[in-house]
């Protein structure tokens, strides 16, 4: 998956959501990449999308790029 500006989404990315909220990408489900303590076994039933640990609602599943765009999810910084 990609952000609206075309950059690929990576686990560990810090993001802003709707300008006023923050989060961290903890899973890229289709790619099978998860940030501990999350695991493939917990979330593969979702099949696609990303999980973001948000400041406003805990874990939120964004199923596709249209959902990311609607929520105004933007890359703030990449994990080094």
N, C-alpha and C. Protein backbone atom coordinates (compact mmCIF):
# COMPACT_ATOMS: atom_id res chain seq x y z
N UNK A 1 0.84 -1.19 0.00
CA UNK A 1 0.00 0.00 0.00
C UNK A 1 0.88 1.24 0.00
N UNK A 2 0.25 2.34 -0.40
CA UNK A 2 0.97 3.61 -0.49
C UNK A 2 0.15 4.73 0.14
N UNK A 3 0.88 5.73 0.61
CA UNK A 3 0.23 6.96 1.07
C UNK A 3 -0.29 7.71 -0.15
N UNK A 4 -1.10 8.70 0.08
CA UNK A 4 -1.69 9.49 -1.00
C UNK A 4 -0.63 10.13 -1.89
N UNK A 5 0.54 10.45 -1.31
CA UNK A 5 1.60 11.09 -2.11
C UNK A 5 2.44 10.08 -2.90
N UNK A 6 2.10 8.79 -2.80
CA UNK A 6 2.78 7.76 -3.58
C UNK A 6 3.88 7.01 -2.85
N UNK A 7 4.28 7.46 -1.67
CA UNK A 7 5.32 6.76 -0.92
C UNK A 7 4.77 5.45 -0.36
N UNK A 8 5.58 4.40 -0.37
CA UNK A 8 5.12 3.13 0.20
C UNK A 8 4.99 3.22 1.71
N UNK A 9 4.05 2.48 2.25
CA UNK A 9 3.85 2.42 3.70
C UNK A 9 4.76 1.36 4.27
N UNK A 10 5.46 1.68 5.36
CA UNK A 10 6.34 0.73 6.04
C UNK A 10 5.92 0.60 7.49
N UNK A 11 6.06 -0.62 8.02
CA UNK A 11 5.83 -0.84 9.44
C UNK A 11 6.81 0.03 10.21
N UNK A 12 6.32 0.69 11.25
CA UNK A 12 7.14 1.59 12.06
C UNK A 12 6.99 3.05 11.68
N UNK A 13 6.35 3.34 10.54
CA UNK A 13 6.14 4.73 10.13
C UNK A 13 5.30 5.47 11.18
N UNK A 14 5.73 6.69 11.50
CA UNK A 14 4.92 7.59 12.32
C UNK A 14 4.06 8.39 11.35
N UNK A 15 2.78 8.50 11.65
CA UNK A 15 1.84 9.16 10.74
C UNK A 15 0.99 10.18 11.49
N UNK A 16 0.43 11.10 10.71
CA UNK A 16 -0.62 11.97 11.22
C UNK A 16 -1.92 11.49 10.59
N UNK A 17 -3.00 11.67 11.33
CA UNK A 17 -4.32 11.26 10.86
C UNK A 17 -5.25 12.45 11.05
N UNK A 18 -5.84 12.89 9.96
CA UNK A 18 -6.74 14.04 9.98
C UNK A 18 -6.07 15.25 10.63
N UNK A 19 -4.79 15.42 10.39
CA UNK A 19 -3.94 16.53 10.83
C UNK A 19 -3.73 16.59 12.35
N UNK A 20 -4.73 16.24 13.16
CA UNK A 20 -4.62 16.44 14.61
C UNK A 20 -4.27 15.20 15.42
N UNK A 21 -4.28 14.03 14.83
CA UNK A 21 -4.00 12.79 15.56
C UNK A 21 -2.70 12.18 15.06
N UNK A 22 -2.14 11.30 15.87
CA UNK A 22 -0.90 10.62 15.51
C UNK A 22 -1.07 9.12 15.62
N UNK A 23 -0.18 8.41 14.97
CA UNK A 23 -0.21 6.95 15.05
C UNK A 23 1.08 6.35 14.53
N UNK A 24 1.18 5.03 14.72
CA UNK A 24 2.32 4.26 14.22
C UNK A 24 1.78 3.07 13.45
N UNK A 25 2.32 2.85 12.26
CA UNK A 25 1.94 1.68 11.47
C UNK A 25 2.53 0.45 12.15
N UNK A 26 1.68 -0.49 12.56
CA UNK A 26 2.15 -1.69 13.27
C UNK A 26 2.01 -2.95 12.43
N UNK A 27 1.32 -2.87 11.29
CA UNK A 27 1.18 -4.05 10.44
C UNK A 27 0.86 -3.66 9.00
N UNK A 28 1.55 -4.31 8.09
CA UNK A 28 1.20 -4.29 6.66
C UNK A 28 0.73 -5.70 6.36
N UNK A 29 -0.56 -5.91 6.39
CA UNK A 29 -1.14 -7.25 6.41
C UNK A 29 -0.81 -8.06 5.16
N UNK A 30 -1.03 -7.52 3.99
CA UNK A 30 -0.78 -8.27 2.75
C UNK A 30 0.68 -8.67 2.61
N UNK A 31 1.59 -7.79 3.07
CA UNK A 31 3.03 -8.08 3.01
C UNK A 31 3.47 -9.03 4.12
N UNK A 32 2.62 -9.23 5.13
CA UNK A 32 2.96 -10.12 6.23
C UNK A 32 4.02 -9.56 7.17
N UNK A 33 4.07 -8.23 7.30
CA UNK A 33 5.07 -7.59 8.16
C UNK A 33 4.37 -6.97 9.36
N UNK A 34 4.82 -7.32 10.55
CA UNK A 34 4.18 -6.89 11.80
C UNK A 34 5.20 -6.39 12.79
N UNK A 35 4.86 -5.36 13.53
CA UNK A 35 5.69 -4.83 14.60
C UNK A 35 5.27 -5.54 15.88
N UNK A 36 6.22 -6.08 16.61
CA UNK A 36 5.91 -6.79 17.85
C UNK A 36 5.15 -5.88 18.81
N UNK A 37 4.18 -6.35 19.55
CA UNK A 37 3.81 -7.74 19.79
C UNK A 37 2.76 -8.28 18.83
N UNK A 38 2.45 -7.58 17.78
CA UNK A 38 1.43 -8.04 16.82
C UNK A 38 2.02 -9.15 15.94
N UNK A 39 1.13 -10.04 15.47
CA UNK A 39 1.62 -11.17 14.68
C UNK A 39 0.67 -11.48 13.53
N UNK A 40 1.20 -12.18 12.56
CA UNK A 40 0.42 -12.62 11.40
C UNK A 40 -0.81 -13.42 11.84
N UNK A 41 -0.63 -14.30 12.81
CA UNK A 41 -1.74 -15.16 13.26
C UNK A 41 -2.91 -14.35 13.80
N UNK A 42 -2.64 -13.21 14.40
CA UNK A 42 -3.70 -12.36 14.96
C UNK A 42 -4.53 -11.67 13.88
N UNK A 43 -3.91 -11.30 12.76
CA UNK A 43 -4.56 -10.36 11.87
C UNK A 43 -4.74 -10.81 10.42
N UNK A 44 -4.30 -11.98 10.03
CA UNK A 44 -4.42 -12.37 8.63
C UNK A 44 -5.87 -12.50 8.17
N UNK A 45 -6.81 -12.67 9.09
CA UNK A 45 -8.22 -12.74 8.68
C UNK A 45 -8.67 -11.43 8.02
N UNK A 46 -7.92 -10.34 8.21
CA UNK A 46 -8.26 -9.07 7.58
C UNK A 46 -7.84 -9.03 6.11
N UNK A 47 -6.86 -9.85 5.74
CA UNK A 47 -6.37 -10.06 4.37
C UNK A 47 -5.61 -8.90 3.74
N UNK A 48 -6.08 -7.68 3.84
CA UNK A 48 -5.45 -6.54 3.19
C UNK A 48 -5.36 -5.37 4.16
N UNK A 49 -4.62 -4.36 3.74
CA UNK A 49 -4.59 -3.12 4.48
C UNK A 49 -3.46 -3.03 5.47
N UNK A 50 -3.59 -2.02 6.33
CA UNK A 50 -2.61 -1.78 7.38
C UNK A 50 -3.33 -1.58 8.70
N UNK A 51 -2.60 -1.83 9.78
CA UNK A 51 -3.09 -1.52 11.12
C UNK A 51 -2.25 -0.36 11.64
N UNK A 52 -2.93 0.64 12.18
CA UNK A 52 -2.24 1.79 12.75
C UNK A 52 -2.68 1.92 14.20
N UNK A 53 -1.69 1.99 15.10
CA UNK A 53 -1.97 2.23 16.52
C UNK A 53 -2.13 3.74 16.66
N UNK A 54 -3.37 4.19 16.85
CA UNK A 54 -3.69 5.61 16.82
C UNK A 54 -3.78 6.22 18.22
N UNK A 55 -3.63 7.54 18.27
CA UNK A 55 -3.75 8.27 19.53
C UNK A 55 -5.20 8.47 19.94
N UNK A 56 -6.15 8.22 19.04
CA UNK A 56 -7.56 8.49 19.34
C UNK A 56 -8.41 7.25 19.53
N UNK A 57 -7.95 6.08 19.05
CA UNK A 57 -8.83 4.90 19.12
C UNK A 57 -8.08 3.58 19.24
N UNK A 58 -6.81 3.61 19.58
CA UNK A 58 -6.05 2.36 19.61
C UNK A 58 -5.82 1.85 18.20
N UNK A 59 -5.88 0.53 18.02
CA UNK A 59 -5.63 -0.06 16.70
C UNK A 59 -6.79 0.21 15.74
N UNK A 60 -6.44 0.73 14.57
CA UNK A 60 -7.44 0.98 13.53
C UNK A 60 -6.97 0.30 12.25
N UNK A 61 -7.89 -0.43 11.61
CA UNK A 61 -7.59 -1.11 10.35
C UNK A 61 -8.05 -0.23 9.20
N UNK A 62 -7.10 0.11 8.33
CA UNK A 62 -7.40 0.84 7.10
C UNK A 62 -7.25 -0.16 5.98
N UNK A 63 -8.34 -0.56 5.35
CA UNK A 63 -8.35 -1.70 4.44
C UNK A 63 -7.77 -1.42 3.06
N UNK A 64 -7.73 -0.14 2.66
CA UNK A 64 -7.20 0.18 1.33
C UNK A 64 -6.74 1.63 1.28
N UNK A 65 -6.17 2.00 0.15
CA UNK A 65 -5.64 3.35 0.00
C UNK A 65 -6.75 4.41 0.05
N UNK A 66 -7.94 4.07 -0.39
CA UNK A 66 -9.06 5.02 -0.33
C UNK A 66 -9.40 5.34 1.13
N UNK A 67 -9.34 4.34 2.01
CA UNK A 67 -9.60 4.57 3.44
C UNK A 67 -8.53 5.46 4.05
N UNK A 68 -7.28 5.25 3.65
CA UNK A 68 -6.18 6.10 4.14
C UNK A 68 -6.38 7.55 3.69
N UNK A 69 -6.77 7.72 2.45
CA UNK A 69 -6.99 9.06 1.92
C UNK A 69 -8.16 9.74 2.62
N UNK A 70 -9.24 9.01 2.83
CA UNK A 70 -10.41 9.57 3.50
C UNK A 70 -10.08 10.02 4.93
N UNK A 71 -9.21 9.29 5.60
CA UNK A 71 -8.81 9.62 6.97
C UNK A 71 -7.67 10.63 7.02
N UNK A 72 -7.18 11.02 5.85
CA UNK A 72 -6.06 11.96 5.74
C UNK A 72 -4.82 11.46 6.48
N UNK A 73 -4.47 10.19 6.24
CA UNK A 73 -3.28 9.59 6.85
C UNK A 73 -2.07 10.02 6.02
N UNK A 74 -1.09 10.65 6.68
CA UNK A 74 0.10 11.13 6.00
C UNK A 74 1.34 10.72 6.78
N UNK A 75 2.40 10.43 6.06
CA UNK A 75 3.68 10.07 6.67
C UNK A 75 4.24 11.29 7.41
N UNK A 76 4.59 11.09 8.67
CA UNK A 76 5.24 12.14 9.47
C UNK A 76 6.75 11.92 9.47
N UNK A 77 7.16 10.67 9.76
CA UNK A 77 8.59 10.31 9.70
C UNK A 77 8.73 8.80 9.63
N UNK A 78 9.84 8.38 9.06
CA UNK A 78 10.17 6.97 8.93
C UNK A 78 11.03 6.53 10.09
N UNK A 79 10.82 5.29 10.53
CA UNK A 79 11.67 4.70 11.54
C UNK A 79 13.06 4.51 10.92
N UNK A 80 14.08 4.88 11.65
CA UNK A 80 15.45 4.79 11.11
C UNK A 80 15.91 3.36 10.91
